[in-house]
Amino acid sequence: MEKIRILFAGDHLVVRQSVCAFLQKERDLAVVAEAGDGEEAVRLARELNPDVIIMDISMPKLNGIEATRQIKASQPSATILILSAYD
């Protein structure tokens, strides 16, 4: 079975590590990269072409909304899930 490749982008290290550790426990999921800011998320998405990107909204350098716009502009078929504590 081929695993679903995930890029997780979030600026809170403890949250990022916890969520990634949880996801890695699933046999059909593989976290292929973590990004700590929006610019890194855009770069990694272009380099790795993950199946799913989990994106925080509030991040340094480039927020998750703008990072999502840039990723979708170059990779229209990218699947992006927004994860945030904001309403």
C-alpha atoms as a PDB file:
ATOM      1  CA  MET A   1       0.000   0.000   0.000  1.00  0.00           C
ATOM      2  CA  GLU A   2       1.303   3.423  -0.933  1.00  0.00           C
ATOM      3  CA  LYS A   3       1.388   5.906   1.931  1.00  0.00           C
ATOM      4  CA  ILE A   4      -0.220   9.348   1.843  1.00  0.00           C
ATOM      5  CA  ARG A   5       2.657  11.841   1.891  1.00  0.00           C
ATOM      6  CA  ILE A   6       2.104  14.818   4.216  1.00  0.00           C
ATOM      7  CA  LEU A   7       3.787  18.193   4.622  1.00  0.00           C
ATOM      8  CA  PHE A   8       2.964  19.819   7.970  1.00  0.00           C
ATOM      9  CA  ALA A   9       3.443  23.590   8.221  1.00  0.00           C
ATOM     10  CA  GLY A  10       3.130  25.325  11.575  1.00  0.00           C
ATOM     11  CA  ASP A  11       5.265  27.689  13.595  1.00  0.00           C
ATOM     12  CA  HIS A  12       4.740  26.152  17.043  1.00  0.00           C
ATOM     13  CA  LEU A  13       7.423  23.479  17.334  1.00  0.00           C
ATOM     14  CA  VAL A  14       5.757  21.454  20.109  1.00  0.00           C
ATOM     15  CA  VAL A  15       2.420  21.362  18.277  1.00  0.00           C
ATOM     16  CA  ARG A  16       4.131  20.488  14.997  1.00  0.00           C
ATOM     17  CA  GLN A  17       6.144  17.674  16.570  1.00  0.00           C
ATOM     18  CA  SER A  18       3.114  16.309  18.438  1.00  0.00           C
ATOM     19  CA  VAL A  19       0.833  16.260  15.409  1.00  0.00           C
ATOM     20  CA  CYS A  20       3.546  14.736  13.218  1.00  0.00           C
ATOM     21  CA  ALA A  21       4.255  12.023  15.811  1.00  0.00           C
ATOM     22  CA  PHE A  22       0.533  11.236  15.936  1.00  0.00           C
ATOM     23  CA  LEU A  23       0.273  11.081  12.131  1.00  0.00           C
ATOM     24  CA  GLN A  24       3.367   8.873  11.827  1.00  0.00           C
ATOM     25  CA  LYS A  25       1.646   6.197  13.936  1.00  0.00           C
ATOM     26  CA  GLU A  26      -0.801   5.560  11.099  1.00  0.00           C
ATOM     27  CA  ARG A  27       0.395   2.880   8.699  1.00  0.00           C
ATOM     28  CA  ASP A  28      -0.959   4.633   5.621  1.00  0.00           C
ATOM     29  CA  LEU A  29       0.476   8.106   6.420  1.00  0.00           C
ATOM     30  CA  ALA A  30       4.023   9.468   6.099  1.00  0.00           C
ATOM     31  CA  VAL A  31       5.090  12.950   7.153  1.00  0.00           C
ATOM     32  CA  VAL A  32       7.686  13.778   4.498  1.00  0.00           C
ATOM     33  CA  ALA A  33       8.542  17.258   5.798  1.00  0.00           C
ATOM     34  CA  GLU A  34       7.818  19.918   8.382  1.00  0.00           C
ATOM     35  CA  ALA A  35       7.895  23.664   7.792  1.00  0.00           C
ATOM     36  CA  GLY A  36       8.185  26.299  10.508  1.00  0.00           C
ATOM     37  CA  ASP A  37       7.097  29.258   8.380  1.00  0.00           C
ATOM     38  CA  GLY A  38       5.125  30.010   5.222  1.00  0.00           C
ATOM     39  CA  GLU A  39       8.110  30.530   2.935  1.00  0.00           C
ATOM     40  CA  GLU A  40       9.528  27.155   3.900  1.00  0.00           C
ATOM     41  CA  ALA A  41       6.108  25.551   3.328  1.00  0.00           C
ATOM     42  CA  VAL A  42       5.935  26.946  -0.216  1.00  0.00           C
ATOM     43  CA  ARG A  43       9.476  25.797  -0.999  1.00  0.00           C
ATOM     44  CA  LEU A  44       8.941  22.294   0.391  1.00  0.00           C
ATOM     45  CA  ALA A  45       5.587  21.912  -1.354  1.00  0.00           C
ATOM     46  CA  ARG A  46       7.229  22.702  -4.697  1.00  0.00           C
ATOM     47  CA  GLU A  47      10.211  20.415  -4.043  1.00  0.00           C
ATOM     48  CA  LEU A  48       8.372  17.424  -2.595  1.00  0.00           C
ATOM     49  CA  ASN A  49       4.874  17.632  -4.134  1.00  0.00           C
ATOM     50  CA  PRO A  50       3.196  16.017  -1.100  1.00  0.00           C
ATOM     51  CA  ASP A  51      -0.263  14.442  -1.326  1.00  0.00           C
ATOM     52  CA  VAL A  52      -1.606  16.596   1.518  1.00  0.00           C
ATOM     53  CA  ILE A  53      -0.386  19.827   3.109  1.00  0.00           C
ATOM     54  CA  ILE A  54      -1.574  20.673   6.617  1.00  0.00           C
ATOM     55  CA  MET A  55      -1.199  24.437   6.949  1.00  0.00           C
ATOM     56  CA  ASP A  56      -1.376  26.709   9.990  1.00  0.00           C
ATOM     57  CA  ILE A  57      -2.773  30.184   9.278  1.00  0.00           C
ATOM     58  CA  SER A  58      -0.566  32.279  11.544  1.00  0.00           C
ATOM     59  CA  MET A  59       3.113  31.799  10.683  1.00  0.00           C
ATOM     60  CA  PRO A  60       6.159  34.054  10.352  1.00  0.00           C
ATOM     61  CA  LYS A  61       7.629  35.310   7.069  1.00  0.00           C
ATOM     62  CA  LEU A  62       4.524  34.347   5.084  1.00  0.00           C
ATOM     63  CA  ASN A  63       1.156  33.524   6.649  1.00  0.00           C
ATOM     64  CA  GLY A  64      -0.685  30.306   5.830  1.00  0.00           C
ATOM     65  CA  ILE A  65      -3.296  32.032   3.671  1.00  0.00           C
ATOM     66  CA  GLU A  66      -0.683  33.576   1.369  1.00  0.00           C
ATOM     67  CA  ALA A  67       1.399  30.390   1.391  1.00  0.00           C
ATOM     68  CA  THR A  68      -1.722  28.473   0.322  1.00  0.00           C
ATOM     69  CA  ARG A  69      -2.350  30.967  -2.500  1.00  0.00           C
ATOM     70  CA  GLN A  70       1.205  30.595  -3.773  1.00  0.00           C
ATOM     71  CA  ILE A  71       1.118  26.804  -3.603  1.00  0.00           C
ATOM     72  CA  LYS A  72      -2.251  26.610  -5.385  1.00  0.00           C
ATOM     73  CA  ALA A  73      -0.995  28.999  -8.093  1.00  0.00           C
ATOM     74  CA  SER A  74       1.874  26.685  -8.988  1.00  0.00           C
ATOM     75  CA  GLN A  75       0.224  23.388  -8.001  1.00  0.00           C
ATOM     76  CA  PRO A  76      -3.533  23.703  -8.592  1.00  0.00           C
ATOM     77  CA  SER A  77      -4.193  20.083  -7.660  1.00  0.00           C
ATOM     78  CA  ALA A  78      -2.523  20.424  -4.238  1.00  0.00           C
ATOM     79  CA  THR A  79      -4.716  19.301  -1.348  1.00  0.00           C
ATOM     80  CA  ILE A  80      -4.373  21.726   1.556  1.00  0.00           C
ATOM     81  CA  LEU A  81      -6.011  21.375   4.942  1.00  0.00           C
ATOM     82  CA  ILE A  82      -6.040  24.503   7.106  1.00  0.00           C
ATOM     83  CA  LEU A  83      -5.429  23.840  10.792  1.00  0.00           C
ATOM     84  CA  SER A  84      -5.690  26.739  13.190  1.00  0.00           C
ATOM     85  CA  ALA A  85      -6.755  27.796  16.666  1.00  0.00           C
ATOM     86  CA  TYR A  86      -8.378  30.938  15.223  1.00  0.00           C
ATOM     87  CA  ASP A  87     -12.125  31.122  14.593  1.00  0.00           C
END
